[in-house]
Protein backbone atom coordinates (compact mmCIF):
# COMPACT_ATOMS: atom_id res chain seq x y z
CA MET A 1 3.37 -0.47 11.54
CA ASN A 2 4.25 3.21 11.42
CA PRO A 3 1.35 5.31 12.82
CA HIS A 4 1.39 7.46 9.69
CA HIS A 5 1.09 4.43 7.40
CA GLU A 6 -1.60 3.01 9.66
CA THR A 7 -3.55 6.27 9.42
CA ASP A 8 -3.21 6.32 5.63
CA ALA A 9 -4.48 2.74 5.51
CA CYS A 10 -7.40 3.68 7.75
CA VAL A 11 -8.35 6.55 5.44
CA GLU A 12 -8.29 4.22 2.44
CA ASP A 13 -10.33 1.56 4.28
CA LEU A 14 -12.91 4.18 5.27
CA ARG A 15 -13.03 5.57 1.72
CA THR A 16 -13.60 2.06 0.35
CA ALA A 17 -16.33 1.29 2.90
CA LEU A 18 -18.08 4.56 2.16
CA GLU A 19 -17.87 3.96 -1.59
CA ALA A 20 -19.41 0.51 -1.09
CA ASN A 21 -22.41 2.37 0.30
CA GLY A 22 -22.47 4.91 -2.53
CA ILE A 23 -20.97 7.67 -0.37
CA THR A 24 -18.05 9.92 -1.26
CA LEU A 25 -16.51 12.38 1.18
CA PRO A 26 -14.35 14.52 -1.12
CA SER A 27 -12.37 16.03 1.75
CA LEU A 28 -11.58 12.72 3.50
CA THR A 29 -7.88 12.77 4.31
CA VAL A 30 -5.27 12.64 7.02
CA ASP A 31 -5.34 15.83 9.14
CA LEU A 32 -2.10 17.52 8.10
CA PRO A 33 -1.38 19.46 11.33
CA THR A 34 -1.57 16.27 13.42
CA PHE A 35 0.31 14.33 10.73
CA ALA A 36 3.21 16.76 10.94
CA ALA A 37 3.12 17.05 14.73
CA THR A 38 5.30 15.08 17.10
CA TYR A 39 2.48 13.88 19.36
CA PRO A 40 2.71 10.30 20.59
CA GLU A 41 -0.80 9.60 19.26
CA PRO A 42 -1.38 8.73 15.60
CA PRO A 43 -2.55 11.53 13.29
CA LEU A 44 -6.24 12.40 13.16
CA ILE A 45 -8.44 11.67 10.17
CA ALA A 46 -10.31 14.65 8.72
CA LEU A 47 -13.72 13.63 7.42
CA GLY A 48 -14.16 17.02 5.81
CA ASN A 49 -17.24 18.75 4.55
CA CYS A 50 -20.12 17.26 2.63
CA ASN A 51 -23.42 18.39 1.21
CA ALA A 52 -26.81 17.55 2.75
CA ALA A 53 -27.43 14.66 0.35
CA THR A 54 -24.15 13.01 1.33
CA ALA A 55 -24.90 13.56 5.02
CA ARG A 56 -28.31 11.89 4.57
CA ALA A 57 -26.72 8.94 2.74
CA LEU A 58 -24.14 8.56 5.51
CA THR A 59 -26.86 8.73 8.17
CA ALA A 60 -28.91 6.07 6.36
CA ALA A 61 -25.88 3.76 6.01
CA LEU A 62 -25.02 4.13 9.70
CA ARG A 63 -28.61 3.50 10.77
CA LYS A 64 -28.79 0.43 8.54
CA ALA A 65 -25.53 -0.92 10.00
CA ALA A 66 -26.76 -0.27 13.56
CA ASP A 67 -29.87 -2.37 12.92
CA ARG A 68 -27.85 -5.47 12.04
């Protein structure tokens, strides 16, 4: 699979998993500078900014998953 397509799929998978936990990261996307670069590594994923409520929800979801 093309690294760019793989990165796009990863972003969509992450978005879906976050939404399943009631979390939306509005700025979640592929990092454009690394997407356009010619590095051998796949592009980075930019998680973006979020407000404190979203950060708390993300923290709670991660803590819950870690306890499993």
